[in-house]
């Protein structure tokens, strides 16, 4: 009888130890950075061949719900025909420039450019530190190839752990559309 009691206790203890060791260990996952609260996008350009030619444009949306229309009174970028421009894109919240935060999180961001009805080509010049070194878009080269008037949509995409060099995955931090006028030099 003592032998059966000992075996029962031993088997019970073994069963409890097995059950406890098979339980999943709770892990804490590091939260990915959320979307940035942005209100303003600035484009600053410098003509590669004429440092005095420094056009800029600004797009402002102070209403985070998007119910109110953005301030587009300074959203026209005037560029010269047959020119190349070194361009920077900056992002602000209501109080400060947070472009450096976007730069610090460049592995989670890509800026996408969609010119329409304008003779403008955009090439991203900066790259992140992902193994494949994807383009970012804070520093760019704009090239004009003819007089025209059109639009340039610029979208900052938030892509933590899904960045693949395209604009498809992730969510949108900011989306702005600028007018682009390419004029005679």
N, C-alpha and C. Protein backbone atom coordinates (compact mmCIF):
# COMPACT_ATOMS: atom_id res chain seq x y z
N UNK A 1 0.81 -1.19 0.00
CA UNK A 1 0.00 0.00 0.00
C UNK A 1 0.86 1.26 0.00
N UNK A 2 1.94 1.22 0.84
CA UNK A 2 2.85 2.36 0.85
C UNK A 2 3.49 2.54 -0.51
N UNK A 3 3.75 1.42 -1.17
CA UNK A 3 4.38 1.49 -2.49
C UNK A 3 3.43 2.15 -3.49
N UNK A 4 2.13 1.80 -3.45
CA UNK A 4 1.14 2.41 -4.35
C UNK A 4 0.96 3.89 -4.05
N UNK A 5 0.96 4.26 -2.77
CA UNK A 5 0.83 5.66 -2.38
C UNK A 5 2.04 6.46 -2.89
N UNK A 6 3.25 5.89 -2.70
CA UNK A 6 4.45 6.54 -3.18
C UNK A 6 4.42 6.73 -4.70
N UNK A 7 4.02 5.69 -5.42
CA UNK A 7 3.93 5.77 -6.89
C UNK A 7 2.89 6.80 -7.31
N UNK A 8 1.75 6.85 -6.60
CA UNK A 8 0.70 7.83 -6.93
C UNK A 8 1.18 9.26 -6.71
N UNK A 9 1.88 9.48 -5.59
CA UNK A 9 2.41 10.82 -5.31
C UNK A 9 3.46 11.19 -6.34
N UNK A 10 4.35 10.24 -6.65
CA UNK A 10 5.41 10.48 -7.63
C UNK A 10 4.82 10.80 -9.00
N UNK A 11 3.84 10.02 -9.45
CA UNK A 11 3.20 10.27 -10.75
C UNK A 11 2.44 11.59 -10.76
N UNK A 12 1.77 11.92 -9.66
CA UNK A 12 1.05 13.20 -9.55
C UNK A 12 1.99 14.38 -9.64
N UNK A 13 3.13 14.27 -8.93
CA UNK A 13 4.12 15.34 -8.97
C UNK A 13 4.70 15.48 -10.37
N UNK A 14 4.99 14.34 -11.01
CA UNK A 14 5.52 14.37 -12.37
C UNK A 14 4.52 15.01 -13.33
N UNK A 15 3.24 14.69 -13.14
CA UNK A 15 2.20 15.27 -14.00
C UNK A 15 2.11 16.78 -13.81
N UNK A 16 2.18 17.23 -12.57
CA UNK A 16 2.12 18.68 -12.30
C UNK A 16 3.34 19.39 -12.89
N UNK A 17 4.52 18.79 -12.71
CA UNK A 17 5.73 19.40 -13.26
C UNK A 17 5.66 19.45 -14.77
N UNK A 18 5.17 18.41 -15.41
CA UNK A 18 5.03 18.38 -16.88
C UNK A 18 4.04 19.44 -17.33
N UNK A 19 2.93 19.57 -16.62
CA UNK A 19 1.91 20.54 -17.00
C UNK A 19 2.45 21.96 -16.88
N UNK A 20 3.15 22.24 -15.78
CA UNK A 20 3.71 23.57 -15.57
C UNK A 20 4.77 23.89 -16.61
N UNK A 21 5.61 22.93 -16.93
CA UNK A 21 6.68 23.21 -17.90
C UNK A 21 6.17 23.36 -19.32
N UNK A 22 4.98 22.86 -19.62
CA UNK A 22 4.42 22.99 -20.96
C UNK A 22 3.65 24.28 -21.16
N UNK A 23 3.42 25.02 -20.09
CA UNK A 23 2.70 26.29 -20.22
C UNK A 23 3.57 27.29 -20.96
N UNK A 24 2.93 28.11 -21.82
CA UNK A 24 3.67 29.12 -22.57
C UNK A 24 4.18 30.18 -21.61
N UNK A 25 5.39 30.58 -21.84
CA UNK A 25 5.99 31.64 -21.05
C UNK A 25 5.49 32.97 -21.61
N UNK A 26 4.96 33.81 -20.74
CA UNK A 26 4.48 35.11 -21.18
C UNK A 26 5.67 35.97 -21.59
N UNK A 27 5.56 36.60 -22.74
CA UNK A 27 6.63 37.48 -23.21
C UNK A 27 6.07 38.88 -23.39
N UNK A 28 6.93 39.82 -23.21
CA UNK A 28 6.56 41.21 -23.43
C UNK A 28 7.15 41.64 -24.76
N UNK A 29 6.29 42.10 -25.66
CA UNK A 29 6.78 42.57 -26.94
C UNK A 29 7.01 44.07 -26.87
N UNK A 30 8.07 44.49 -27.51
CA UNK A 30 8.37 45.91 -27.57
C UNK A 30 7.38 46.56 -28.52
N UNK A 31 6.75 47.62 -28.06
CA UNK A 31 5.78 48.33 -28.90
C UNK A 31 6.51 49.04 -30.03
N UNK A 32 5.97 48.90 -31.23
CA UNK A 32 6.53 49.60 -32.38
C UNK A 32 6.12 51.06 -32.31
N UNK A 33 6.96 51.95 -32.83
CA UNK A 33 6.60 53.37 -32.80
C UNK A 33 5.33 53.61 -33.60
N UNK A 34 4.46 54.44 -33.06
CA UNK A 34 3.20 54.76 -33.72
C UNK A 34 3.38 55.86 -34.76
N UNK A 35 2.28 56.17 -35.43
CA UNK A 35 2.31 57.23 -36.43
C UNK A 35 2.64 58.56 -35.78
N UNK A 36 3.38 59.38 -36.51
CA UNK A 36 3.77 60.68 -36.01
C UNK A 36 2.61 61.68 -36.18
N UNK A 37 2.38 62.55 -35.19
CA UNK A 37 1.33 63.57 -35.31
C UNK A 37 1.85 64.77 -36.09
N UNK A 38 1.57 64.82 -37.37
CA UNK A 38 2.14 65.84 -38.24
C UNK A 38 1.10 66.86 -38.68
N UNK A 39 1.53 68.11 -38.82
CA UNK A 39 0.63 69.15 -39.28
C UNK A 39 1.13 69.87 -40.52
N UNK A 40 2.45 69.84 -40.76
CA UNK A 40 3.03 70.66 -41.82
C UNK A 40 4.10 69.89 -42.58
N UNK A 41 4.08 70.04 -43.90
CA UNK A 41 5.14 69.48 -44.75
C UNK A 41 5.77 70.64 -45.52
N UNK A 42 7.10 70.70 -45.50
CA UNK A 42 7.84 71.74 -46.22
C UNK A 42 8.72 71.09 -47.27
N UNK A 43 8.79 71.71 -48.45
CA UNK A 43 9.72 71.30 -49.49
C UNK A 43 10.66 72.48 -49.69
N UNK A 44 11.95 72.21 -49.57
CA UNK A 44 12.96 73.24 -49.81
C UNK A 44 13.89 72.75 -50.90
N UNK A 45 14.06 73.58 -51.93
CA UNK A 45 14.87 73.19 -53.08
C UNK A 45 15.98 74.20 -53.33
N UNK A 46 17.09 73.70 -53.84
CA UNK A 46 18.21 74.56 -54.25
C UNK A 46 18.66 74.07 -55.63
N UNK A 47 18.64 74.98 -56.59
CA UNK A 47 19.06 74.66 -57.95
C UNK A 47 20.54 74.28 -57.94
N UNK A 48 20.85 73.13 -58.53
CA UNK A 48 22.23 72.62 -58.55
C UNK A 48 23.17 73.59 -59.24
N UNK A 49 22.70 74.31 -60.28
CA UNK A 49 23.55 75.21 -61.05
C UNK A 49 23.39 76.68 -60.71
N UNK A 50 22.48 77.01 -59.79
CA UNK A 50 22.25 78.40 -59.41
C UNK A 50 21.78 78.45 -57.96
N UNK A 51 22.69 78.63 -57.05
CA UNK A 51 22.37 78.59 -55.62
C UNK A 51 21.43 79.71 -55.18
N UNK A 52 21.19 80.70 -56.05
CA UNK A 52 20.24 81.77 -55.70
C UNK A 52 18.80 81.35 -55.99
N UNK A 53 18.62 80.27 -56.75
CA UNK A 53 17.29 79.75 -57.09
C UNK A 53 16.90 78.74 -56.00
N UNK A 54 16.10 79.21 -55.02
CA UNK A 54 15.77 78.40 -53.85
C UNK A 54 14.26 78.36 -53.60
N UNK A 55 13.51 77.73 -54.46
CA UNK A 55 12.06 77.68 -54.26
C UNK A 55 11.69 76.77 -53.07
N UNK A 56 10.53 77.07 -52.51
CA UNK A 56 10.02 76.24 -51.42
C UNK A 56 8.49 76.26 -51.46
N UNK A 57 7.91 75.32 -50.77
CA UNK A 57 6.45 75.25 -50.67
C UNK A 57 6.08 74.62 -49.33
N UNK A 58 4.88 74.97 -48.85
CA UNK A 58 4.44 74.51 -47.54
C UNK A 58 2.98 74.09 -47.60
N UNK A 59 2.66 72.96 -46.96
CA UNK A 59 1.30 72.43 -46.87
C UNK A 59 1.00 72.23 -45.40
N UNK A 60 -0.14 72.80 -44.92
CA UNK A 60 -0.46 72.78 -43.49
C UNK A 60 -1.85 72.20 -43.27
N UNK A 61 -1.95 71.24 -42.35
CA UNK A 61 -3.24 70.68 -41.93
C UNK A 61 -3.24 70.64 -40.40
N UNK A 62 -3.86 71.66 -39.79
CA UNK A 62 -3.87 71.75 -38.33
C UNK A 62 -4.97 70.93 -37.69
N UNK A 63 -5.96 70.52 -38.48
CA UNK A 63 -7.06 69.71 -37.96
C UNK A 63 -6.73 68.23 -38.10
N UNK A 64 -6.45 67.53 -36.99
CA UNK A 64 -6.05 66.12 -37.09
C UNK A 64 -7.15 65.20 -37.62
N UNK A 65 -8.40 65.64 -37.58
CA UNK A 65 -9.49 64.81 -38.10
C UNK A 65 -9.61 64.92 -39.61
N UNK A 66 -9.05 66.01 -40.18
CA UNK A 66 -9.17 66.23 -41.61
C UNK A 66 -10.50 66.82 -42.03
N UNK A 67 -11.34 67.17 -41.04
CA UNK A 67 -12.65 67.74 -41.36
C UNK A 67 -12.51 69.13 -41.98
N UNK A 68 -11.53 69.89 -41.54
CA UNK A 68 -11.28 71.21 -42.11
C UNK A 68 -10.26 71.09 -43.23
N UNK A 69 -10.41 71.90 -44.25
CA UNK A 69 -9.49 71.88 -45.38
C UNK A 69 -8.10 72.35 -44.95
N UNK A 70 -7.04 71.82 -45.56
CA UNK A 70 -5.69 72.28 -45.22
C UNK A 70 -5.44 73.68 -45.77
N UNK A 71 -4.44 74.35 -45.20
CA UNK A 71 -3.99 75.64 -45.71
C UNK A 71 -3.02 75.35 -46.86
N UNK A 72 -3.46 75.65 -48.07
CA UNK A 72 -2.63 75.41 -49.25
C UNK A 72 -2.18 76.72 -49.89
N UNK A 73 -2.26 77.81 -49.13
CA UNK A 73 -1.93 79.13 -49.69
C UNK A 73 -0.45 79.26 -50.09
N UNK A 74 0.41 78.39 -49.57
CA UNK A 74 1.84 78.44 -49.92
C UNK A 74 2.30 77.09 -50.48
N UNK A 75 1.39 76.37 -51.13
CA UNK A 75 1.70 75.00 -51.56
C UNK A 75 2.09 74.89 -53.04
N UNK A 76 2.48 76.00 -53.65
CA UNK A 76 2.92 75.95 -55.05
C UNK A 76 4.44 76.03 -55.10
N UNK A 77 5.03 75.04 -55.75
CA UNK A 77 6.48 74.98 -55.93
C UNK A 77 6.78 75.42 -57.37
N UNK A 78 7.56 76.49 -57.52
CA UNK A 78 7.89 77.02 -58.84
C UNK A 78 9.35 76.67 -59.15
N UNK A 79 9.52 75.86 -60.18
CA UNK A 79 10.85 75.39 -60.58
C UNK A 79 11.16 75.87 -62.00
N UNK A 80 12.44 75.97 -62.32
CA UNK A 80 12.85 76.36 -63.67
C UNK A 80 12.95 75.11 -64.55
N UNK A 81 12.66 75.32 -65.82
CA UNK A 81 12.78 74.25 -66.81
C UNK A 81 14.24 73.84 -67.00
N UNK A 82 14.45 72.57 -67.34
CA UNK A 82 15.78 72.02 -67.63
C UNK A 82 16.76 72.25 -66.49
N UNK A 83 16.29 72.00 -65.27
CA UNK A 83 17.11 72.22 -64.09
C UNK A 83 17.06 71.00 -63.17
N UNK A 84 18.06 70.93 -62.31
CA UNK A 84 18.10 69.90 -61.26
C UNK A 84 18.15 70.61 -59.92
N UNK A 85 17.39 70.11 -58.97
CA UNK A 85 17.29 70.72 -57.65
C UNK A 85 17.60 69.69 -56.57
N UNK A 86 18.48 70.07 -55.63
CA UNK A 86 18.64 69.30 -54.41
C UNK A 86 17.50 69.70 -53.50
N UNK A 87 16.75 68.71 -53.03
CA UNK A 87 15.52 68.99 -52.30
C UNK A 87 15.54 68.28 -50.94
N UNK A 88 15.04 68.98 -49.93
CA UNK A 88 14.80 68.34 -48.64
C UNK A 88 13.31 68.45 -48.33
N UNK A 89 12.81 67.42 -47.67
CA UNK A 89 11.42 67.41 -47.22
C UNK A 89 11.46 67.43 -45.71
N UNK A 90 10.70 68.35 -45.11
CA UNK A 90 10.66 68.49 -43.66
C UNK A 90 9.24 68.29 -43.16
N UNK A 91 9.13 67.79 -41.91
CA UNK A 91 7.84 67.54 -41.29
C UNK A 91 7.79 68.23 -39.93
N UNK A 92 6.66 68.87 -39.67
CA UNK A 92 6.48 69.57 -38.40
C UNK A 92 5.18 69.12 -37.76
N UNK A 93 5.17 69.15 -36.41
CA UNK A 93 3.91 69.09 -35.70
C UNK A 93 3.56 70.53 -35.37
N UNK A 94 2.60 70.78 -34.55
CA UNK A 94 2.20 72.16 -34.32
C UNK A 94 3.28 73.01 -33.68
N UNK A 95 4.21 72.38 -32.95
CA UNK A 95 5.20 73.16 -32.21
C UNK A 95 6.63 73.07 -32.72
N UNK A 96 7.01 71.99 -33.36
CA UNK A 96 8.42 71.85 -33.69
C UNK A 96 8.66 71.00 -34.93
N UNK A 97 9.88 71.10 -35.44
CA UNK A 97 10.34 70.32 -36.58
C UNK A 97 10.67 68.91 -36.07
N UNK A 98 10.01 67.91 -36.60
CA UNK A 98 10.28 66.54 -36.16
C UNK A 98 10.93 65.70 -37.26
N UNK A 99 11.52 66.39 -38.24
CA UNK A 99 12.21 65.69 -39.31
C UNK A 99 13.32 64.80 -38.74
N UNK A 100 14.00 65.26 -37.71
CA UNK A 100 15.08 64.46 -37.12
C UNK A 100 14.54 63.17 -36.52
N UNK A 101 13.30 63.19 -36.01
CA UNK A 101 12.69 61.97 -35.49
C UNK A 101 12.38 60.99 -36.62
N UNK A 102 11.93 61.52 -37.75
CA UNK A 102 11.69 60.68 -38.93
C UNK A 102 13.02 60.08 -39.38
N UNK A 103 14.08 60.89 -39.41
CA UNK A 103 15.41 60.41 -39.79
C UNK A 103 15.87 59.32 -38.83
N UNK A 104 15.66 59.52 -37.53
CA UNK A 104 16.07 58.51 -36.55
C UNK A 104 15.31 57.20 -36.73
N UNK A 105 14.10 57.29 -37.26
CA UNK A 105 13.27 56.10 -37.50
C UNK A 105 13.17 55.80 -39.00
N UNK A 106 14.23 56.10 -39.73
CA UNK A 106 14.19 55.95 -41.19
C UNK A 106 13.94 54.51 -41.62
N UNK A 107 14.28 53.54 -40.81
CA UNK A 107 14.01 52.14 -41.16
C UNK A 107 12.52 51.82 -41.15
N UNK A 108 11.72 52.71 -40.59
CA UNK A 108 10.26 52.54 -40.51
C UNK A 108 9.51 53.46 -41.46
N UNK A 109 10.21 54.25 -42.29
CA UNK A 109 9.55 55.25 -43.12
C UNK A 109 10.04 55.24 -44.56
N UNK A 110 9.14 55.63 -45.46
CA UNK A 110 9.50 55.93 -46.84
C UNK A 110 8.60 57.09 -47.29
N UNK A 111 9.20 58.01 -48.03
CA UNK A 111 8.44 59.12 -48.59
C UNK A 111 8.23 58.81 -50.06
N UNK A 112 6.97 58.84 -50.47
CA UNK A 112 6.62 58.51 -51.85
C UNK A 112 6.19 59.77 -52.59
N UNK A 113 6.62 59.87 -53.83
CA UNK A 113 6.36 61.03 -54.67
C UNK A 113 5.57 60.58 -55.89
N UNK A 114 4.49 61.31 -56.18
CA UNK A 114 3.67 60.98 -57.34
C UNK A 114 3.40 62.25 -58.13
N UNK A 115 4.30 62.61 -59.07
CA UNK A 115 4.06 63.79 -59.90
C UNK A 115 3.04 63.47 -60.99
N UNK A 116 2.15 64.41 -61.27
CA UNK A 116 1.17 64.22 -62.35
C UNK A 116 1.05 65.51 -63.15
N UNK A 117 0.94 65.35 -64.45
CA UNK A 117 0.79 66.47 -65.39
C UNK A 117 1.90 67.50 -65.27
N UNK A 118 3.07 67.07 -64.84
CA UNK A 118 4.21 67.98 -64.81
C UNK A 118 5.43 67.23 -65.34
N UNK A 119 6.35 67.98 -65.87
CA UNK A 119 7.58 67.41 -66.41
C UNK A 119 8.63 67.36 -65.31
N UNK A 120 8.33 66.58 -64.28
CA UNK A 120 9.17 66.49 -63.09
C UNK A 120 9.50 65.03 -62.80
N UNK A 121 10.77 64.77 -62.56
CA UNK A 121 11.23 63.45 -62.13
C UNK A 121 11.83 63.60 -60.74
N UNK A 122 11.49 62.67 -59.85
CA UNK A 122 11.98 62.71 -58.48
C UNK A 122 12.79 61.44 -58.21
N UNK A 123 14.00 61.65 -57.68
CA UNK A 123 14.85 60.53 -57.26
C UNK A 123 15.21 60.71 -55.79
N UNK A 124 14.90 59.71 -54.98
CA UNK A 124 15.30 59.74 -53.57
C UNK A 124 16.81 59.52 -53.52
N UNK A 125 17.50 60.29 -52.67
CA UNK A 125 18.96 60.21 -52.60
C UNK A 125 19.47 59.60 -51.28
N UNK A 126 18.63 59.50 -50.28
CA UNK A 126 19.07 58.97 -48.99
C UNK A 126 18.54 57.55 -48.79
N UNK A 127 19.26 56.78 -47.97
CA UNK A 127 18.92 55.39 -47.72
C UNK A 127 18.93 55.10 -46.22
N UNK A 128 18.13 54.11 -45.82
CA UNK A 128 18.08 53.72 -44.41
C UNK A 128 19.20 52.74 -44.09
N UNK A 129 19.16 52.18 -42.89
CA UNK A 129 20.19 51.23 -42.47
C UNK A 129 19.69 49.79 -42.46
N UNK A 130 18.54 49.52 -43.08
CA UNK A 130 18.08 48.15 -43.24
C UNK A 130 19.14 47.39 -44.04
N UNK A 131 19.19 46.06 -43.94
CA UNK A 131 20.19 45.31 -44.71
C UNK A 131 20.17 45.61 -46.21
N UNK A 132 18.99 45.88 -46.77
CA UNK A 132 18.91 46.18 -48.21
C UNK A 132 19.03 47.68 -48.49
N UNK A 133 19.18 48.50 -47.45
CA UNK A 133 19.33 49.95 -47.56
C UNK A 133 18.29 50.57 -48.49
N UNK A 134 17.05 50.51 -48.05
CA UNK A 134 15.95 51.08 -48.82
C UNK A 134 16.03 52.60 -48.84
N UNK A 135 15.48 53.19 -49.89
CA UNK A 135 15.42 54.65 -50.00
C UNK A 135 14.48 55.21 -48.94
N UNK A 136 14.73 56.46 -48.54
CA UNK A 136 13.89 57.13 -47.54
C UNK A 136 13.10 58.26 -48.19
N UNK A 137 13.78 59.30 -48.70
CA UNK A 137 13.10 60.40 -49.37
C UNK A 137 13.16 61.73 -48.66
N UNK A 138 13.92 61.84 -47.57
CA UNK A 138 14.08 63.15 -46.93
C UNK A 138 15.01 64.04 -47.76
N UNK A 139 15.90 63.44 -48.54
CA UNK A 139 16.83 64.16 -49.42
C UNK A 139 16.61 63.62 -50.83
N UNK A 140 16.37 64.53 -51.78
CA UNK A 140 15.97 64.11 -53.12
C UNK A 140 16.61 64.97 -54.19
N UNK A 141 16.52 64.45 -55.42
CA UNK A 141 16.93 65.22 -56.59
C UNK A 141 15.71 65.35 -57.50
N UNK A 142 15.27 66.60 -57.72
CA UNK A 142 14.18 66.88 -58.64
C UNK A 142 14.80 67.33 -59.97
N UNK A 143 14.31 66.77 -61.08
CA UNK A 143 14.78 67.15 -62.40
C UNK A 143 13.59 67.58 -63.24
N UNK A 144 13.71 68.77 -63.86
CA UNK A 144 12.62 69.28 -64.70
C UNK A 144 12.99 69.13 -66.16
N UNK A 145 11.99 68.80 -66.97
CA UNK A 145 12.26 68.54 -68.40
C UNK A 145 11.21 69.16 -69.31
N UNK A 146 10.77 70.36 -68.99
CA UNK A 146 9.80 71.04 -69.85
C UNK A 146 8.86 71.91 -69.05
N UNK A 147 8.41 72.98 -69.67
CA UNK A 147 7.48 73.89 -69.02
C UNK A 147 6.14 73.18 -68.84
N UNK A 148 5.58 73.28 -67.63
CA UNK A 148 4.30 72.61 -67.36
C UNK A 148 3.74 73.08 -66.03
N UNK A 149 2.49 72.73 -65.81
CA UNK A 149 1.82 72.95 -64.52
C UNK A 149 1.15 71.64 -64.15
N UNK A 150 1.40 71.19 -62.94
CA UNK A 150 0.82 69.93 -62.51
C UNK A 150 0.79 69.83 -61.00
N UNK A 151 0.73 68.61 -60.54
CA UNK A 151 0.63 68.32 -59.11
C UNK A 151 1.77 67.40 -58.69
N UNK A 152 2.08 67.43 -57.41
CA UNK A 152 3.03 66.50 -56.81
C UNK A 152 2.45 66.06 -55.47
N UNK A 153 2.03 64.80 -55.42
CA UNK A 153 1.55 64.24 -54.16
C UNK A 153 2.74 63.64 -53.44
N UNK A 154 2.90 64.01 -52.17
CA UNK A 154 3.97 63.47 -51.34
C UNK A 154 3.33 62.80 -50.14
N UNK A 155 3.69 61.54 -49.92
CA UNK A 155 3.11 60.77 -48.83
C UNK A 155 4.22 60.18 -47.97
N UNK A 156 4.14 60.41 -46.68
CA UNK A 156 5.05 59.79 -45.72
C UNK A 156 4.38 58.53 -45.22
N UNK A 157 4.98 57.38 -45.54
CA UNK A 157 4.43 56.09 -45.13
C UNK A 157 5.17 55.58 -43.89
N UNK A 158 4.39 55.06 -42.95
CA UNK A 158 4.89 54.49 -41.70
C UNK A 158 4.89 52.98 -41.88
N UNK A 159 6.09 52.35 -41.84
CA UNK A 159 6.20 50.94 -42.20
C UNK A 159 7.04 50.12 -41.21
N UNK A 160 6.73 50.14 -39.91
CA UNK A 160 7.55 49.35 -38.99
C UNK A 160 7.46 47.86 -39.28
N UNK A 161 8.61 47.24 -39.43
CA UNK A 161 8.76 45.80 -39.67
C UNK A 161 8.12 45.30 -40.96
N UNK A 162 7.69 46.19 -41.86
CA UNK A 162 7.15 45.76 -43.15
C UNK A 162 7.76 46.53 -44.32
N UNK A 163 8.72 47.41 -44.06
CA UNK A 163 9.32 48.21 -45.13
C UNK A 163 10.00 47.30 -46.13
N UNK A 164 9.65 47.47 -47.40
CA UNK A 164 10.22 46.64 -48.45
C UNK A 164 10.69 47.47 -49.66
N UNK A 165 10.79 48.79 -49.48
CA UNK A 165 11.23 49.65 -50.57
C UNK A 165 10.11 50.16 -51.45
N UNK A 166 8.87 49.72 -51.18
CA UNK A 166 7.72 50.19 -51.95
C UNK A 166 6.81 51.02 -51.03
N UNK A 167 5.82 51.63 -51.63
CA UNK A 167 4.89 52.48 -50.87
C UNK A 167 3.66 51.72 -50.38
N UNK A 168 3.57 50.45 -50.68
CA UNK A 168 2.35 49.70 -50.39
C UNK A 168 2.12 49.38 -48.92
N UNK A 169 3.08 48.75 -48.20
CA UNK A 169 2.74 48.33 -46.83
C UNK A 169 2.71 49.50 -45.85
N UNK A 170 2.11 49.23 -44.70
CA UNK A 170 2.11 50.20 -43.61
C UNK A 170 0.92 51.14 -43.66
N UNK A 171 1.07 52.24 -42.94
CA UNK A 171 0.01 53.24 -42.86
C UNK A 171 0.58 54.60 -43.28
N UNK A 172 -0.29 55.59 -43.36
CA UNK A 172 0.12 56.92 -43.82
C UNK A 172 0.26 57.85 -42.62
N UNK A 173 1.45 58.46 -42.50
CA UNK A 173 1.67 59.49 -41.49
C UNK A 173 1.14 60.83 -41.99
N UNK A 174 1.41 61.13 -43.27
CA UNK A 174 0.98 62.42 -43.83
C UNK A 174 0.90 62.30 -45.35
N UNK A 175 -0.08 62.97 -45.91
CA UNK A 175 -0.29 62.97 -47.35
C UNK A 175 -0.63 64.40 -47.76
N UNK A 176 0.18 64.97 -48.66
CA UNK A 176 -0.02 66.35 -49.09
C UNK A 176 0.13 66.44 -50.59
N UNK A 177 -0.65 67.33 -51.21
CA UNK A 177 -0.54 67.55 -52.64
C UNK A 177 -0.15 69.00 -52.92
N UNK A 178 0.95 69.15 -53.63
CA UNK A 178 1.48 70.47 -53.99
C UNK A 178 1.22 70.76 -55.46
N UNK A 179 1.07 72.04 -55.79
CA UNK A 179 1.06 72.47 -57.18
C UNK A 179 2.52 72.63 -57.61
N UNK A 180 2.81 72.23 -58.85
CA UNK A 180 4.17 72.38 -59.37
C UNK A 180 4.07 73.13 -60.70
N UNK A 181 4.72 74.30 -60.73
CA UNK A 181 4.80 75.08 -61.96
C UNK A 181 6.24 75.10 -62.42
N UNK A 182 6.48 74.59 -63.63
CA UNK A 182 7.81 74.60 -64.20
C UNK A 182 7.81 75.69 -65.26
N UNK A 183 8.69 76.69 -65.07
CA UNK A 183 8.68 77.90 -65.88
C UNK A 183 9.98 78.03 -66.68
N UNK A 184 9.99 78.99 -67.62
CA UNK A 184 11.21 79.27 -68.39
C UNK A 184 12.33 79.68 -67.46
N UNK A 185 13.54 79.29 -67.78
CA UNK A 185 14.70 79.69 -66.92
C UNK A 185 14.93 81.18 -66.98
